[in-house]
Amino acid sequence: LKADGTDAMESRRGLPTPMTAFYK
């Protein structure tokens, strides 16, 4: 959780394959 109580997106991540990194 972040300091405001919302969920931190970094809690679940996929591997930064070339295409996944490109989409990000």
PDB file of all heavy atoms in Angstrom:
ATOM      1  N   LEU A   1       0.838  -1.195   0.000  1.00  0.00           N
ATOM      2  CA  LEU A   1       0.000   0.000   0.000  1.00  0.00           C
ATOM      3  C   LEU A   1       0.870   1.241   0.000  1.00  0.00           C
ATOM      4  O   LEU A   1       1.919   1.275   0.651  1.00  0.00           O
ATOM      5  CB  LEU A   1      -0.905   0.015   1.235  1.00  0.00           C
ATOM      6  CG  LEU A   1      -1.837  -1.184   1.427  1.00  0.00           C
ATOM      7  CD1 LEU A   1      -2.617  -1.024   2.729  1.00  0.00           C
ATOM      8  CD2 LEU A   1      -2.785  -1.345   0.257  1.00  0.00           C
ATOM      9  N   LYS A   2       0.431   2.260  -0.712  1.00  0.00           N
ATOM     10  CA  LYS A   2       1.101   3.550  -0.680  1.00  0.00           C
ATOM     11  C   LYS A   2       0.626   4.333   0.551  1.00  0.00           C
ATOM     12  O   LYS A   2      -0.274   3.902   1.257  1.00  0.00           O
ATOM     13  CB  LYS A   2       0.814   4.319  -1.973  1.00  0.00           C
ATOM     14  CG  LYS A   2       1.412   3.642  -3.203  1.00  0.00           C
ATOM     15  CD  LYS A   2       1.236   4.457  -4.461  1.00  0.00           C
ATOM     16  CE  LYS A   2      -0.199   4.459  -4.953  1.00  0.00           C
ATOM     17  NZ  LYS A   2      -0.344   5.136  -6.263  1.00  0.00           N
ATOM     18  N   ALA A   3       1.230   5.476   0.792  1.00  0.00           N
ATOM     19  CA  ALA A   3       0.938   6.237   2.005  1.00  0.00           C
ATOM     20  C   ALA A   3      -0.488   6.751   2.068  1.00  0.00           C
ATOM     21  O   ALA A   3      -0.970   7.123   3.143  1.00  0.00           O
ATOM     22  CB  ALA A   3       1.914   7.405   2.150  1.00  0.00           C
ATOM     23  N   ASP A   4      -1.200   6.772   0.939  1.00  0.00           N
ATOM     24  CA  ASP A   4      -2.604   7.196   0.950  1.00  0.00           C
ATOM     25  C   ASP A   4      -3.562   6.016   1.027  1.00  0.00           C
ATOM     26  O   ASP A   4      -4.781   6.194   0.934  1.00  0.00           O
ATOM     27  CB  ASP A   4      -2.912   8.057  -0.276  1.00  0.00           C
ATOM     28  CG  ASP A   4      -2.707   7.308  -1.587  1.00  0.00           C
ATOM     29  OD1 ASP A   4      -2.277   6.126  -1.555  1.00  0.00           O
ATOM     30  OD2 ASP A   4      -2.962   7.901  -2.656  1.00  0.00           O
ATOM     31  N   GLY A   5      -3.024   4.810   1.178  1.00  0.00           N
ATOM     32  CA  GLY A   5      -3.857   3.623   1.321  1.00  0.00           C
ATOM     33  C   GLY A   5      -4.217   2.944   0.015  1.00  0.00           C
ATOM     34  O   GLY A   5      -4.858   1.891   0.034  1.00  0.00           O
ATOM     35  N   THR A   6      -3.815   3.499  -1.117  1.00  0.00           N
ATOM     36  CA  THR A   6      -4.106   2.877  -2.408  1.00  0.00           C
ATOM     37  C   THR A   6      -3.053   1.817  -2.707  1.00  0.00           C
ATOM     38  O   THR A   6      -1.953   1.817  -2.156  1.00  0.00           O
ATOM     39  CB  THR A   6      -4.143   3.913  -3.542  1.00  0.00           C
ATOM     40  OG1 THR A   6      -2.878   4.592  -3.597  1.00  0.00           O
ATOM     41  CG2 THR A   6      -5.253   4.923  -3.310  1.00  0.00           C
ATOM     42  N   ASP A   7      -3.400   0.910  -3.609  1.00  0.00           N
ATOM     43  CA  ASP A   7      -2.512  -0.197  -3.950  1.00  0.00           C
ATOM     44  C   ASP A   7      -1.349   0.277  -4.812  1.00  0.00           C
ATOM     45  O   ASP A   7      -1.529   1.047  -5.760  1.00  0.00           O
ATOM     46  CB  ASP A   7      -3.287  -1.280  -4.707  1.00  0.00           C
ATOM     47  CG  ASP A   7      -4.326  -1.957  -3.842  1.00  0.00           C
ATOM     48  OD1 ASP A   7      -3.966  -2.436  -2.754  1.00  0.00           O
ATOM     49  OD2 ASP A   7      -5.502  -2.008  -4.257  1.00  0.00           O
ATOM     50  N   ALA A   8      -0.158  -0.221  -4.502  1.00  0.00           N
ATOM     51  CA  ALA A   8       1.027   0.068  -5.313  1.00  0.00           C
ATOM     52  C   ALA A   8       1.075  -0.918  -6.472  1.00  0.00           C
ATOM     53  O   ALA A   8       1.054  -2.137  -6.254  1.00  0.00           O
ATOM     54  CB  ALA A   8       2.287  -0.047  -4.465  1.00  0.00           C
ATOM     55  N   MET A   9       1.134  -0.407  -7.687  1.00  0.00           N
ATOM     56  CA  MET A   9       1.117  -1.262  -8.869  1.00  0.00           C
ATOM     57  C   MET A   9       2.299  -2.232  -8.884  1.00  0.00           C
ATOM     58  O   MET A   9       2.221  -3.306  -9.480  1.00  0.00           O
ATOM     59  CB  MET A   9       1.142  -0.400 -10.133  1.00  0.00           C
ATOM     60  CG  MET A   9      -0.050   0.528 -10.276  1.00  0.00           C
ATOM     61  SD  MET A   9      -1.616  -0.370 -10.326  1.00  0.00           S
ATOM     62  CE  MET A   9      -1.490  -1.155 -11.932  1.00  0.00           C
ATOM     63  N   GLU A  10       3.402  -1.871  -8.227  1.00  0.00           N
ATOM     64  CA  GLU A  10       4.594  -2.712  -8.214  1.00  0.00           C
ATOM     65  C   GLU A  10       4.391  -4.011  -7.429  1.00  0.00           C
ATOM     66  O   GLU A  10       5.286  -4.859  -7.403  1.00  0.00           O
ATOM     67  CB  GLU A  10       5.771  -1.946  -7.620  1.00  0.00           C
ATOM     68  CG  GLU A  10       6.241  -0.759  -8.439  1.00  0.00           C
ATOM     69  CD  GLU A  10       5.381   0.479  -8.247  1.00  0.00           C
ATOM     70  OE1 GLU A  10       4.507   0.466  -7.348  1.00  0.00           O
ATOM     71  OE2 GLU A  10       5.561   1.454  -8.997  1.00  0.00           O
ATOM     72  N   SER A  11       3.230  -4.171  -6.803  1.00  0.00           N
ATOM     73  CA  SER A  11       2.952  -5.396  -6.054  1.00  0.00           C
ATOM     74  C   SER A  11       2.901  -6.619  -6.969  1.00  0.00           C
ATOM     75  O   SER A  11       3.203  -7.735  -6.533  1.00  0.00           O
ATOM     76  CB  SER A  11       1.609  -5.270  -5.311  1.00  0.00           C
ATOM     77  OG  SER A  11       1.605  -4.182  -4.426  1.00  0.00           O
ATOM     78  N   ARG A  12       2.477  -6.426  -8.216  1.00  0.00           N
ATOM     79  CA  ARG A  12       2.425  -7.526  -9.187  1.00  0.00           C
ATOM     80  C   ARG A  12       3.031  -7.011 -10.491  1.00  0.00           C
ATOM     81  O   ARG A  12       2.580  -6.003 -11.030  1.00  0.00           O
ATOM     82  CB  ARG A  12       0.983  -7.975  -9.493  1.00  0.00           C
ATOM     83  CG  ARG A  12       0.191  -8.450  -8.278  1.00  0.00           C
ATOM     84  CD  ARG A  12      -0.628  -7.345  -7.658  1.00  0.00           C
ATOM     85  NE  ARG A  12      -1.436  -6.618  -8.617  1.00  0.00           N
ATOM     86  CZ  ARG A  12      -2.678  -6.977  -9.000  1.00  0.00           C
ATOM     87  NH1 ARG A  12      -3.241  -8.038  -8.446  1.00  0.00           N
ATOM     88  NH2 ARG A  12      -3.353  -6.262  -9.879  1.00  0.00           N
ATOM     89  N   ARG A  13       4.049  -7.707 -11.002  1.00  0.00           N
ATOM     90  CA  ARG A  13       4.658  -7.263 -12.247  1.00  0.00           C
ATOM     91  C   ARG A  13       4.962  -8.449 -13.154  1.00  0.00           C
ATOM     92  O   ARG A  13       5.186  -9.573 -12.681  1.00  0.00           O
ATOM     93  CB  ARG A  13       5.961  -6.499 -11.983  1.00  0.00           C
ATOM     94  CG  ARG A  13       5.766  -5.071 -11.518  1.00  0.00           C
ATOM     95  CD  ARG A  13       7.088  -4.364 -11.367  1.00  0.00           C
ATOM     96  NE  ARG A  13       7.861  -4.916 -10.266  1.00  0.00           N
ATOM     97  CZ  ARG A  13       9.137  -4.610 -10.023  1.00  0.00           C
ATOM     98  NH1 ARG A  13       9.774  -3.778 -10.822  1.00  0.00           N
ATOM     99  NH2 ARG A  13       9.762  -5.135  -8.989  1.00  0.00           N
ATOM    100  N   GLY A  14       4.959  -8.166 -14.445  1.00  0.00           N
ATOM    101  CA  GLY A  14       5.370  -9.148 -15.426  1.00  0.00           C
ATOM    102  C   GLY A  14       6.803  -8.881 -15.842  1.00  0.00           C
ATOM    103  O   GLY A  14       7.352  -7.802 -15.621  1.00  0.00           O
ATOM    104  N   LEU A  15       7.425  -9.864 -16.448  1.00  0.00           N
ATOM    105  CA  LEU A  15       8.791  -9.683 -16.915  1.00  0.00           C
ATOM    106  C   LEU A  15       8.843  -8.611 -17.997  1.00  0.00           C
ATOM    107  O   LEU A  15       7.990  -8.590 -18.890  1.00  0.00           O
ATOM    108  CB  LEU A  15       9.328 -10.999 -17.474  1.00  0.00           C
ATOM    109  CG  LEU A  15       9.639 -12.092 -16.448  1.00  0.00           C
ATOM    110  CD1 LEU A  15       9.900 -13.412 -17.148  1.00  0.00           C
ATOM    111  CD2 LEU A  15      10.839 -11.682 -15.600  1.00  0.00           C
ATOM    112  N   PRO A  16       9.829  -7.731 -17.960  1.00  0.00           N
ATOM    113  CA  PRO A  16       9.937  -6.692 -18.986  1.00  0.00           C
ATOM    114  C   PRO A  16      10.570  -7.221 -20.265  1.00  0.00           C
ATOM    115  O   PRO A  16      11.689  -6.844 -20.635  1.00  0.00           O
ATOM    116  CB  PRO A  16      10.822  -5.645 -18.292  1.00  0.00           C
ATOM    117  CG  PRO A  16      11.693  -6.438 -17.384  1.00  0.00           C
ATOM    118  CD  PRO A  16      10.831  -7.581 -16.888  1.00  0.00           C
ATOM    119  N   THR A  17       9.857  -8.127 -20.929  1.00  0.00           N
ATOM    120  CA  THR A  17      10.306  -8.586 -22.238  1.00  0.00           C
ATOM    121  C   THR A  17      10.375  -7.374 -23.166  1.00  0.00           C
ATOM    122  O   THR A  17       9.805  -6.316 -22.859  1.00  0.00           O
ATOM    123  CB  THR A  17       9.340  -9.623 -22.806  1.00  0.00           C
ATOM    124  OG1 THR A  17       8.058  -8.989 -22.996  1.00  0.00           O
ATOM    125  CG2 THR A  17       9.168 -10.811 -21.858  1.00  0.00           C
ATOM    126  N   PRO A  18      11.055  -7.493 -24.303  1.00  0.00           N
ATOM    127  CA  PRO A  18      11.128  -6.333 -25.202  1.00  0.00           C
ATOM    128  C   PRO A  18       9.768  -5.732 -25.536  1.00  0.00           C
ATOM    129  O   PRO A  18       9.614  -4.502 -25.511  1.00  0.00           O
ATOM    130  CB  PRO A  18      11.815  -6.917 -26.444  1.00  0.00           C
ATOM    131  CG  PRO A  18      12.719  -7.968 -25.889  1.00  0.00           C
ATOM    132  CD  PRO A  18      11.942  -8.582 -24.757  1.00  0.00           C
ATOM    133  N   MET A  19       8.763  -6.561 -25.809  1.00  0.00           N
ATOM    134  CA  MET A  19       7.449  -6.017 -26.163  1.00  0.00           C
ATOM    135  C   MET A  19       6.735  -5.440 -24.946  1.00  0.00           C
ATOM    136  O   MET A  19       6.107  -4.378 -25.024  1.00  0.00           O
ATOM    137  CB  MET A  19       6.585  -7.091 -26.820  1.00  0.00           C
ATOM    138  CG  MET A  19       7.040  -7.474 -28.228  1.00  0.00           C
ATOM    139  SD  MET A  19       7.315  -6.045 -29.324  1.00  0.00           S
ATOM    140  CE  MET A  19       5.697  -5.285 -29.354  1.00  0.00           C
ATOM    141  N   THR A  20       6.843  -6.126 -23.803  1.00  0.00           N
ATOM    142  CA  THR A  20       6.218  -5.613 -22.581  1.00  0.00           C
ATOM    143  C   THR A  20       6.826  -4.272 -22.196  1.00  0.00           C
ATOM    144  O   THR A  20       6.109  -3.333 -21.809  1.00  0.00           O
ATOM    145  CB  THR A  20       6.386  -6.620 -21.425  1.00  0.00           C
ATOM    146  OG1 THR A  20       5.718  -7.846 -21.762  1.00  0.00           O
ATOM    147  CG2 THR A  20       5.795  -6.077 -20.132  1.00  0.00           C
ATOM    148  N   ALA A  21       8.152  -4.164 -22.308  1.00  0.00           N
ATOM    149  CA  ALA A  21       8.820  -2.901 -22.009  1.00  0.00           C
ATOM    150  C   ALA A  21       8.399  -1.810 -22.988  1.00  0.00           C
ATOM    151  O   ALA A  21       8.208  -0.650 -22.613  1.00  0.00           O
ATOM    152  CB  ALA A  21      10.337  -3.092 -22.049  1.00  0.00           C
ATOM    153  N   PHE A  22       8.223  -2.200 -24.256  1.00  0.00           N
ATOM    154  CA  PHE A  22       7.797  -1.232 -25.273  1.00  0.00           C
ATOM    155  C   PHE A  22       6.405  -0.696 -24.943  1.00  0.00           C
ATOM    156  O   PHE A  22       6.174   0.516 -25.004  1.00  0.00           O
ATOM    157  CB  PHE A  22       7.803  -1.883 -26.651  1.00  0.00           C
ATOM    158  CG  PHE A  22       7.184  -1.025 -27.723  1.00  0.00           C
ATOM    159  CD1 PHE A  22       7.866   0.064 -28.254  1.00  0.00           C
ATOM    160  CD2 PHE A  22       5.902  -1.297 -28.193  1.00  0.00           C
ATOM    161  CE1 PHE A  22       7.289   0.862 -29.230  1.00  0.00           C
ATOM    162  CE2 PHE A  22       5.322  -0.506 -29.173  1.00  0.00           C
ATOM    163  CZ  PHE A  22       6.015   0.568 -29.697  1.00  0.00           C
ATOM    164  N   TYR A  23       5.473  -1.585 -24.586  1.00  0.00           N
ATOM    165  CA  TYR A  23       4.113  -1.147 -24.247  1.00  0.00           C
ATOM    166  C   TYR A  23       4.129  -0.218 -23.034  1.00  0.00           C
ATOM    167  O   TYR A  23       3.344   0.730 -22.964  1.00  0.00           O
ATOM    168  CB  TYR A  23       3.223  -2.357 -23.960  1.00  0.00           C
ATOM    169  CG  TYR A  23       3.005  -3.262 -25.146  1.00  0.00           C
ATOM    170  CD1 TYR A  23       2.922  -4.645 -24.973  1.00  0.00           C
ATOM    171  CD2 TYR A  23       2.886  -2.750 -26.433  1.00  0.00           C
ATOM    172  CE1 TYR A  23       2.720  -5.486 -26.058  1.00  0.00           C
ATOM    173  CE2 TYR A  23       2.680  -3.583 -27.522  1.00  0.00           C
ATOM    174  CZ  TYR A  23       2.609  -4.955 -27.325  1.00  0.00           C
ATOM    175  OH  TYR A  23       2.418  -5.778 -28.404  1.00  0.00           O
ATOM    176  N   LYS A  24       5.038  -0.490 -22.063  1.00  0.00           N
ATOM    177  CA  LYS A  24       5.145   0.369 -20.880  1.00  0.00           C
ATOM    178  C   LYS A  24       5.677   1.745 -21.263  1.00  0.00           C
ATOM    179  O   LYS A  24       5.125   2.781 -20.863  1.00  0.00           O
ATOM    180  CB  LYS A  24       6.067  -0.298 -19.855  1.00  0.00           C
ATOM    181  CG  LYS A  24       6.419   0.577 -18.641  1.00  0.00           C
ATOM    182  CD  LYS A  24       5.208   0.812 -17.766  1.00  0.00           C
ATOM    183  CE  LYS A  24       5.598   1.375 -16.416  1.00  0.00           C
ATOM    184  NZ  LYS A  24       6.267   2.684 -16.486  1.00  0.00           N
TER     185      LYS A  24
END
